[in-house]
C-alpha atoms as a PDB file:
ATOM      1  CA  MET A   1      66.786 222.898 198.102  1.00  0.00           C
ATOM      2  CA  ASP A   2      69.237 220.279 199.344  1.00  0.00           C
ATOM      3  CA  ARG A   3      71.504 221.359 202.175  1.00  0.00           C
ATOM      4  CA  PRO A   4      75.222 220.642 201.738  1.00  0.00           C
ATOM      5  CA  LEU A   5      76.890 218.116 204.001  1.00  0.00           C
ATOM      6  CA  LEU A   6      78.938 219.472 206.890  1.00  0.00           C
ATOM      7  CA  ALA A   7      81.694 216.903 206.273  1.00  0.00           C
ATOM      8  CA  SER A   8      82.309 213.867 204.087  1.00  0.00           C
ATOM      9  CA  LYS A   9      80.236 210.729 204.548  1.00  0.00           C
ATOM     10  CA  ARG A  10      83.456 208.862 205.322  1.00  0.00           C
ATOM     11  CA  HIS A  11      84.064 211.272 208.203  1.00  0.00           C
ATOM     12  CA  THR A  12      80.592 210.575 209.579  1.00  0.00           C
ATOM     13  CA  ALA A  13      81.239 206.834 209.286  1.00  0.00           C
ATOM     14  CA  GLY A  14      84.359 207.419 211.379  1.00  0.00           C
ATOM     15  CA  LEU A  15      82.241 209.034 214.089  1.00  0.00           C
ATOM     16  CA  PHE A  16      79.906 206.044 214.054  1.00  0.00           C
ATOM     17  CA  GLY A  17      82.986 203.848 214.488  1.00  0.00           C
ATOM     18  CA  ILE A  18      83.950 205.842 217.579  1.00  0.00           C
ATOM     19  CA  LEU A  19      80.439 205.346 218.970  1.00  0.00           C
ATOM     20  CA  LEU A  20      80.688 201.595 218.385  1.00  0.00           C
ATOM     21  CA  LEU A  21      83.884 201.593 220.425  1.00  0.00           C
ATOM     22  CA  ALA A  22      81.943 203.386 223.163  1.00  0.00           C
ATOM     23  CA  VAL A  23      79.346 200.602 223.087  1.00  0.00           C
ATOM     24  CA  ALA A  24      82.078 197.960 223.352  1.00  0.00           C
ATOM     25  CA  PHE A  25      83.594 199.791 226.310  1.00  0.00           C
ATOM     26  CA  GLY A  26      80.172 200.065 227.966  1.00  0.00           C
ATOM     27  CA  ILE A  27      79.572 196.323 227.655  1.00  0.00           C
ATOM     28  CA  TRP A  28      83.020 195.573 229.071  1.00  0.00           C
ATOM     29  CA  PHE A  29      82.561 198.050 231.917  1.00  0.00           C
ATOM     30  CA  GLN A  30      79.233 196.589 232.971  1.00  0.00           C
ATOM     31  CA  LYS A  31      80.505 193.006 232.801  1.00  0.00           C
ATOM     32  CA  SER A  32      83.813 193.682 234.547  1.00  0.00           C
ATOM     33  CA  SER A  33      82.099 193.699 237.937  1.00  0.00           C
ATOM     34  CA  GLY A  34      78.667 193.643 239.492  1.00  0.00           C
ATOM     35  CA  PRO A  35      76.636 196.536 240.862  1.00  0.00           C
ATOM     36  CA  GLU A  36      78.442 198.749 243.338  1.00  0.00           C
ATOM     37  CA  SER A  37      77.039 200.400 246.404  1.00  0.00           C
ATOM     38  CA  ALA A  38      76.993 204.176 246.276  1.00  0.00           C
ATOM     39  CA  ALA A  39      77.902 204.114 249.954  1.00  0.00           C
ATOM     40  CA  ALA A  40      80.959 201.927 249.465  1.00  0.00           C
ATOM     41  CA  PRO A  41      84.140 203.588 250.737  1.00  0.00           C
ATOM     42  CA  ARG A  42      86.467 204.995 248.118  1.00  0.00           C
ATOM     43  CA  THR A  43      90.137 205.533 248.793  1.00  0.00           C
ATOM     44  CA  GLU A  44      91.398 206.608 245.365  1.00  0.00           C
ATOM     45  CA  SER A  45      91.055 210.012 243.743  1.00  0.00           C
ATOM     46  CA  ASN A  46      88.916 210.421 240.643  1.00  0.00           C
ATOM     47  CA  HIS A  47      91.133 213.148 239.173  1.00  0.00           C
ATOM     48  CA  GLY A  48      92.665 210.814 236.616  1.00  0.00           C
ATOM     49  CA  LEU A  49      89.243 209.557 235.530  1.00  0.00           C
ATOM     50  CA  TYR A  50      87.900 213.085 235.194  1.00  0.00           C
ATOM     51  CA  LEU A  51      90.873 214.284 233.170  1.00  0.00           C
ATOM     52  CA  SER A  52      90.621 211.216 230.915  1.00  0.00           C
ATOM     53  CA  ALA A  53      86.929 211.955 230.321  1.00  0.00           C
ATOM     54  CA  MET A  54      87.712 215.544 229.355  1.00  0.00           C
ATOM     55  CA  LEU A  55      90.494 214.458 227.000  1.00  0.00           C
ATOM     56  CA  LEU A  56      88.156 211.968 225.356  1.00  0.00           C
ATOM     57  CA  ASP A  57      85.436 214.588 224.883  1.00  0.00           C
ATOM     58  CA  TRP A  58      87.901 217.085 223.432  1.00  0.00           C
ATOM     59  CA  GLY A  59      89.367 214.366 221.213  1.00  0.00           C
ATOM     60  CA  VAL A  60      85.971 213.599 219.664  1.00  0.00           C
ATOM     61  CA  PHE A  61      85.298 217.326 219.354  1.00  0.00           C
ATOM     62  CA  TYR A  62      88.595 217.785 217.504  1.00  0.00           C
ATOM     63  CA  PHE A  63      87.782 214.882 215.177  1.00  0.00           C
ATOM     64  CA  VAL A  64      84.468 216.500 214.236  1.00  0.00           C
ATOM     65  CA  TRP A  65      85.829 220.053 214.047  1.00  0.00           C
ATOM     66  CA  ALA A  66      88.795 219.035 211.876  1.00  0.00           C
ATOM     67  CA  GLY A  67      86.581 217.047 209.508  1.00  0.00           C
ATOM     68  CA  THR A  68      84.112 219.894 209.039  1.00  0.00           C
ATOM     69  CA  ARG A  69      86.915 222.419 208.648  1.00  0.00           C
ATOM     70  CA  ARG A  70      88.531 220.355 205.870  1.00  0.00           C
ATOM     71  CA  HIS A  71      85.125 220.272 204.184  1.00  0.00           C
ATOM     72  CA  GLY A  72      84.905 224.067 204.313  1.00  0.00           C
ATOM     73  CA  THR A  73      82.063 224.221 206.840  1.00  0.00           C
ATOM     74  CA  ALA A  74      81.988 227.347 208.973  1.00  0.00           C
ATOM     75  CA  PHE A  75      82.044 226.880 212.735  1.00  0.00           C
ATOM     76  CA  GLY A  76      78.970 229.092 213.045  1.00  0.00           C
ATOM     77  CA  ARG A  77      76.914 226.779 210.849  1.00  0.00           C
ATOM     78  CA  ILE A  78      77.469 223.976 213.339  1.00  0.00           C
ATOM     79  CA  THR A  79      76.733 226.001 216.477  1.00  0.00           C
ATOM     80  CA  GLY A  80      74.047 228.189 214.956  1.00  0.00           C
ATOM     81  CA  GLY A  81      75.967 231.396 215.492  1.00  0.00           C
ATOM     82  CA  ARG A  82      77.453 233.074 218.544  1.00  0.00           C
ATOM     83  CA  TRP A  83      76.496 235.528 221.242  1.00  0.00           C
ATOM     84  CA  THR A  84      76.933 239.163 220.260  1.00  0.00           C
ATOM     85  CA  GLY A  85      75.951 240.716 223.580  1.00  0.00           C
ATOM     86  CA  LEU A  86      74.574 240.192 227.068  1.00  0.00           C
ATOM     87  CA  GLY A  87      71.061 240.178 225.690  1.00  0.00           C
ATOM     88  CA  ASP A  88      71.805 237.062 223.666  1.00  0.00           C
ATOM     89  CA  VAL A  89      73.302 235.367 226.719  1.00  0.00           C
ATOM     90  CA  ALA A  90      70.304 236.281 228.884  1.00  0.00           C
ATOM     91  CA  ARG A  91      67.884 234.986 226.253  1.00  0.00           C
ATOM     92  CA  ASP A  92      69.568 231.597 226.030  1.00  0.00           C
ATOM     93  CA  ILE A  93      69.789 231.301 229.809  1.00  0.00           C
ATOM     94  CA  ALA A  94      66.050 232.043 229.936  1.00  0.00           C
ATOM     95  CA  ILE A  95      65.522 229.216 227.442  1.00  0.00           C
ATOM     96  CA  ALA A  96      67.924 226.804 229.162  1.00  0.00           C
ATOM     97  CA  ILE A  97      66.342 227.055 232.630  1.00  0.00           C
ATOM     98  CA  PRO A  98      62.816 225.821 231.782  1.00  0.00           C
ATOM     99  CA  PHE A  99      64.301 223.313 229.344  1.00  0.00           C
ATOM    100  CA  TRP A 100      66.440 221.888 232.150  1.00  0.00           C
ATOM    101  CA  ILE A 101      63.326 221.557 234.348  1.00  0.00           C
ATOM    102  CA  VAL A 102      61.516 219.666 231.587  1.00  0.00           C
ATOM    103  CA  TRP A 103      64.658 217.554 231.055  1.00  0.00           C
ATOM    104  CA  GLN A 104      64.809 216.597 234.744  1.00  0.00           C
ATOM    105  CA  ALA A 105      61.093 215.785 234.891  1.00  0.00           C
ATOM    106  CA  ALA A 106      61.369 213.610 231.790  1.00  0.00           C
ATOM    107  CA  ALA A 107      64.387 211.781 233.237  1.00  0.00           C
ATOM    108  CA  VAL A 108      62.551 210.996 236.486  1.00  0.00           C
ATOM    109  CA  LEU A 109      59.458 209.806 234.608  1.00  0.00           C
ATOM    110  CA  ILE A 110      61.422 207.559 232.246  1.00  0.00           C
ATOM    111  CA  HIS A 111      63.438 206.064 235.109  1.00  0.00           C
ATOM    112  CA  ARG A 112      60.208 205.194 236.923  1.00  0.00           C
ATOM    113  CA  LEU A 113      58.672 203.660 233.814  1.00  0.00           C
ATOM    114  CA  LEU A 114      61.735 201.485 233.170  1.00  0.00           C
ATOM    115  CA  GLY A 115      61.909 200.249 236.751  1.00  0.00           C
ATOM    116  CA  PRO A 116      64.926 199.193 238.856  1.00  0.00           C
ATOM    117  CA  ASP A 117      68.366 199.168 237.288  1.00  0.00           C
ATOM    118  CA  SER A 118      70.901 196.394 237.916  1.00  0.00           C
ATOM    119  CA  ALA A 119      73.738 198.149 236.082  1.00  0.00           C
ATOM    120  CA  ARG A 120      77.016 198.880 237.783  1.00  0.00           C
ATOM    121  CA  SER A 121      76.616 202.086 239.764  1.00  0.00           C
ATOM    122  CA  ILE A 122      78.533 205.193 238.716  1.00  0.00           C
ATOM    123  CA  GLY A 123      77.924 206.798 242.103  1.00  0.00           C
ATOM    124  CA  ALA A 124      81.498 206.075 243.168  1.00  0.00           C
ATOM    125  CA  PHE A 125      82.722 208.314 240.347  1.00  0.00           C
ATOM    126  CA  LEU A 126      80.916 211.420 241.614  1.00  0.00           C
ATOM    127  CA  PRO A 127      83.005 214.106 243.369  1.00  0.00           C
ATOM    128  CA  ARG A 128      83.443 213.892 247.141  1.00  0.00           C
ATOM    129  CA  THR A 129      86.202 216.395 247.852  1.00  0.00           C
ATOM    130  CA  ALA A 130      86.625 220.095 247.115  1.00  0.00           C
ATOM    131  CA  ALA A 131      89.386 219.392 244.601  1.00  0.00           C
ATOM    132  CA  GLU A 132      87.269 216.791 242.799  1.00  0.00           C
ATOM    133  CA  THR A 133      84.349 219.211 242.755  1.00  0.00           C
ATOM    134  CA  VAL A 134      86.408 221.825 240.918  1.00  0.00           C
ATOM    135  CA  VAL A 135      87.530 219.287 238.316  1.00  0.00           C
ATOM    136  CA  TRP A 136      83.973 217.925 238.020  1.00  0.00           C
ATOM    137  CA  ILE A 137      82.724 221.375 237.055  1.00  0.00           C
ATOM    138  CA  GLY A 138      85.356 221.387 234.312  1.00  0.00           C
ATOM    139  CA  VAL A 139      84.208 217.951 233.163  1.00  0.00           C
ATOM    140  CA  SER A 140      80.593 219.156 233.081  1.00  0.00           C
ATOM    141  CA  ALA A 141      81.398 222.314 231.123  1.00  0.00           C
ATOM    142  CA  THR A 142      83.451 220.269 228.672  1.00  0.00           C
ATOM    143  CA  ALA A 143      80.641 217.758 228.148  1.00  0.00           C
ATOM    144  CA  GLY A 144      78.058 220.503 227.721  1.00  0.00           C
ATOM    145  CA  PHE A 145      80.054 222.204 224.982  1.00  0.00           C
ATOM    146  CA  THR A 146      81.635 219.277 223.142  1.00  0.00           C
ATOM    147  CA  GLU A 147      78.698 216.853 223.206  1.00  0.00           C
ATOM    148  CA  GLU A 148      76.195 219.431 221.987  1.00  0.00           C
ATOM    149  CA  PHE A 149      78.646 220.431 219.261  1.00  0.00           C
ATOM    150  CA  VAL A 150      79.170 216.804 218.185  1.00  0.00           C
ATOM    151  CA  PHE A 151      75.659 215.362 218.448  1.00  0.00           C
ATOM    152  CA  ARG A 152      73.291 218.262 217.827  1.00  0.00           C
ATOM    153  CA  GLY A 153      75.534 220.718 216.031  1.00  0.00           C
ATOM    154  CA  TYR A 154      77.206 218.201 213.753  1.00  0.00           C
ATOM    155  CA  LEU A 155      75.542 214.791 213.685  1.00  0.00           C
ATOM    156  CA  GLN A 156      71.910 215.918 213.623  1.00  0.00           C
ATOM    157  CA  GLN A 157      72.491 218.533 210.944  1.00  0.00           C
ATOM    158  CA  GLN A 158      74.777 216.226 208.962  1.00  0.00           C
ATOM    159  CA  MET A 159      72.196 213.432 208.954  1.00  0.00           C
ATOM    160  CA  GLU A 160      69.449 215.862 207.947  1.00  0.00           C
ATOM    161  CA  ALA A 161      71.560 216.986 204.989  1.00  0.00           C
ATOM    162  CA  TRP A 162      72.449 213.358 204.159  1.00  0.00           C
ATOM    163  CA  THR A 163      68.956 211.798 204.462  1.00  0.00           C
ATOM    164  CA  GLY A 164      66.774 214.811 203.757  1.00  0.00           C
ATOM    165  CA  SER A 165      64.683 213.974 206.836  1.00  0.00           C
ATOM    166  CA  ARG A 166      64.647 216.019 210.020  1.00  0.00           C
ATOM    167  CA  GLY A 167      62.826 213.282 211.910  1.00  0.00           C
ATOM    168  CA  LEU A 168      65.307 210.573 210.948  1.00  0.00           C
ATOM    169  CA  ALA A 169      68.226 212.864 211.733  1.00  0.00           C
ATOM    170  CA  LEU A 170      66.747 213.562 215.168  1.00  0.00           C
ATOM    171  CA  VAL A 171      66.418 209.837 215.914  1.00  0.00           C
ATOM    172  CA  ILE A 172      69.914 208.962 214.662  1.00  0.00           C
ATOM    173  CA  GLN A 173      71.667 211.609 216.745  1.00  0.00           C
ATOM    174  CA  ALA A 174      69.624 210.684 219.835  1.00  0.00           C
ATOM    175  CA  ILE A 175      70.614 207.022 219.505  1.00  0.00           C
ATOM    176  CA  GLY A 176      74.226 208.024 218.926  1.00  0.00           C
ATOM    177  CA  PHE A 177      74.111 210.225 222.019  1.00  0.00           C
ATOM    178  CA  GLY A 178      72.689 207.387 224.064  1.00  0.00           C
ATOM    179  CA  VAL A 179      75.133 204.684 222.990  1.00  0.00           C
ATOM    180  CA  GLY A 180      77.974 207.110 223.659  1.00  0.00           C
ATOM    181  CA  HIS A 181      76.971 206.693 227.329  1.00  0.00           C
ATOM    182  CA  ALA A 182      76.618 202.908 227.211  1.00  0.00           C
ATOM    183  CA  TYR A 183      79.002 202.547 230.149  1.00  0.00           C
ATOM    184  CA  GLN A 184      76.103 203.687 232.372  1.00  0.00           C
ATOM    185  CA  GLY A 185      74.066 200.560 231.589  1.00  0.00           C
ATOM    186  CA  TRP A 186      71.116 199.889 229.316  1.00  0.00           C
ATOM    187  CA  LYS A 187      68.546 201.747 231.425  1.00  0.00           C
ATOM    188  CA  ASN A 188      70.489 204.980 231.595  1.00  0.00           C
ATOM    189  CA  THR A 189      71.350 204.619 227.908  1.00  0.00           C
ATOM    190  CA  ALA A 190      67.641 204.405 227.064  1.00  0.00           C
ATOM    191  CA  VAL A 191      66.938 207.474 229.190  1.00  0.00           C
ATOM    192  CA  ILE A 192      69.760 209.407 227.519  1.00  0.00           C
ATOM    193  CA  VAL A 193      68.413 208.508 224.060  1.00  0.00           C
ATOM    194  CA  ILE A 194      65.084 210.125 224.948  1.00  0.00           C
ATOM    195  CA  LEU A 195      66.767 213.138 226.464  1.00  0.00           C
ATOM    196  CA  GLY A 196      69.018 213.435 223.424  1.00  0.00           C
ATOM    197  CA  ALA A 197      65.857 213.704 221.348  1.00  0.00           C
ATOM    198  CA  LEU A 198      64.713 216.584 223.583  1.00  0.00           C
ATOM    199  CA  TYR A 199      67.997 218.380 222.955  1.00  0.00           C
ATOM    200  CA  GLY A 200      67.490 217.777 219.250  1.00  0.00           C
ATOM    201  CA  LEU A 201      64.028 219.342 219.384  1.00  0.00           C
ATOM    202  CA  LEU A 202      65.528 222.331 221.178  1.00  0.00           C
ATOM    203  CA  LEU A 203      68.015 222.725 218.325  1.00  0.00           C
ATOM    204  CA  LEU A 204      65.239 222.604 215.725  1.00  0.00           C
ATOM    205  CA  TRP A 205      63.255 225.252 217.607  1.00  0.00           C
ATOM    206  CA  ARG A 206      66.082 227.596 218.606  1.00  0.00           C
ATOM    207  CA  ARG A 207      68.306 226.860 215.565  1.00  0.00           C
ATOM    208  CA  SER A 208      71.310 227.087 217.866  1.00  0.00           C
ATOM    209  CA  THR A 209      73.269 224.737 220.102  1.00  0.00           C
ATOM    210  CA  LEU A 210      74.010 227.480 222.651  1.00  0.00           C
ATOM    211  CA  PRO A 211      71.017 227.067 225.018  1.00  0.00           C
ATOM    212  CA  GLY A 212      71.505 223.298 224.835  1.00  0.00           C
ATOM    213  CA  MET A 213      75.140 223.715 225.822  1.00  0.00           C
ATOM    214  CA  LEU A 214      74.103 225.756 228.848  1.00  0.00           C
ATOM    215  CA  ALA A 215      71.426 223.274 229.918  1.00  0.00           C
ATOM    216  CA  HIS A 216      73.664 220.269 229.284  1.00  0.00           C
ATOM    217  CA  GLY A 217      76.581 221.658 231.260  1.00  0.00           C
ATOM    218  CA  TRP A 218      74.375 222.632 234.206  1.00  0.00           C
ATOM    219  CA  THR A 219      72.654 219.229 234.152  1.00  0.00           C
ATOM    220  CA  ASP A 220      75.990 217.490 234.578  1.00  0.00           C
ATOM    221  CA  VAL A 221      77.059 219.880 237.337  1.00  0.00           C
ATOM    222  CA  TYR A 222      73.766 219.283 239.157  1.00  0.00           C
ATOM    223  CA  GLY A 223      73.978 215.537 238.618  1.00  0.00           C
ATOM    224  CA  GLY A 224      77.335 215.403 240.383  1.00  0.00           C
ATOM    225  CA  LEU A 225      76.870 218.063 243.053  1.00  0.00           C
ATOM    226  CA  GLY A 226      73.213 218.992 243.493  1.00  0.00           C
ATOM    227  CA  MET A 227      71.790 215.584 244.330  1.00  0.00           C
ATOM    228  CA  ARG A 228      74.613 214.842 246.784  1.00  0.00           C
ATOM    229  CA  PHE A 229      74.004 218.188 248.495  1.00  0.00           C
ATOM    230  CA  LEU A 230      70.247 217.622 248.718  1.00  0.00           C
ATOM    231  CA  SER A 231      70.742 214.118 250.108  1.00  0.00           C
ATOM    232  CA  ARG A 232      72.538 215.681 253.083  1.00  0.00           C
ATOM    233  CA  LEU A 233      69.717 218.160 253.744  1.00  0.00           C
ATOM    234  CA  LEU A 234      66.660 215.975 253.299  1.00  0.00           C
ATOM    235  CA  PRO A 235      65.712 213.340 255.914  1.00  0.00           C
ATOM    236  CA  PHE A 236      64.769 210.743 253.278  1.00  0.00           C
END
């Protein structure tokens, strides 16, 4: 039995247009200047950048939510339901933790296979003050919720309904997820495509975006705070 689309095909084409703009921005960002040193001094606050990133994520979320709502698609169909008690929360945390470990291991392996990266560093954008840390956590939580909603909740399920193929839908959303991060350079984009596929497999297994949202949000928090903290503790 064919599954109904979550939104119109024109709406999905609009999302692809947004992703193409992200690619254009990524190319411009990488060409605007050469690689930066992570140790280079920074005198300006990143608050404006962080707030802009959150507004962008919420803007894309609203575009997808409004399009599915006009189509009559229930919010729960996109997310795979909601938590009804602490047991549900505990279960998805128990799923998210080992998934995050696998995610991190896969990221390290893929980075090593691809070799050195000459892309402009994004290290200067990571939080360095207490105030930036608080905002960064907000950025991470926003990305975890909105990006899983958009790419796994909407795009993967929409493309499965459109093409009739789970495998093709998985690949399309993973590529879309990767090119949405094109500003990080081609190597990181390739890594994010693979990791997007892992999130897609998690959706197919769990039939819910909720554990992916937890893992995604924590991954971003750890990426901005955990590695910087460890670098201060370890002698190498």
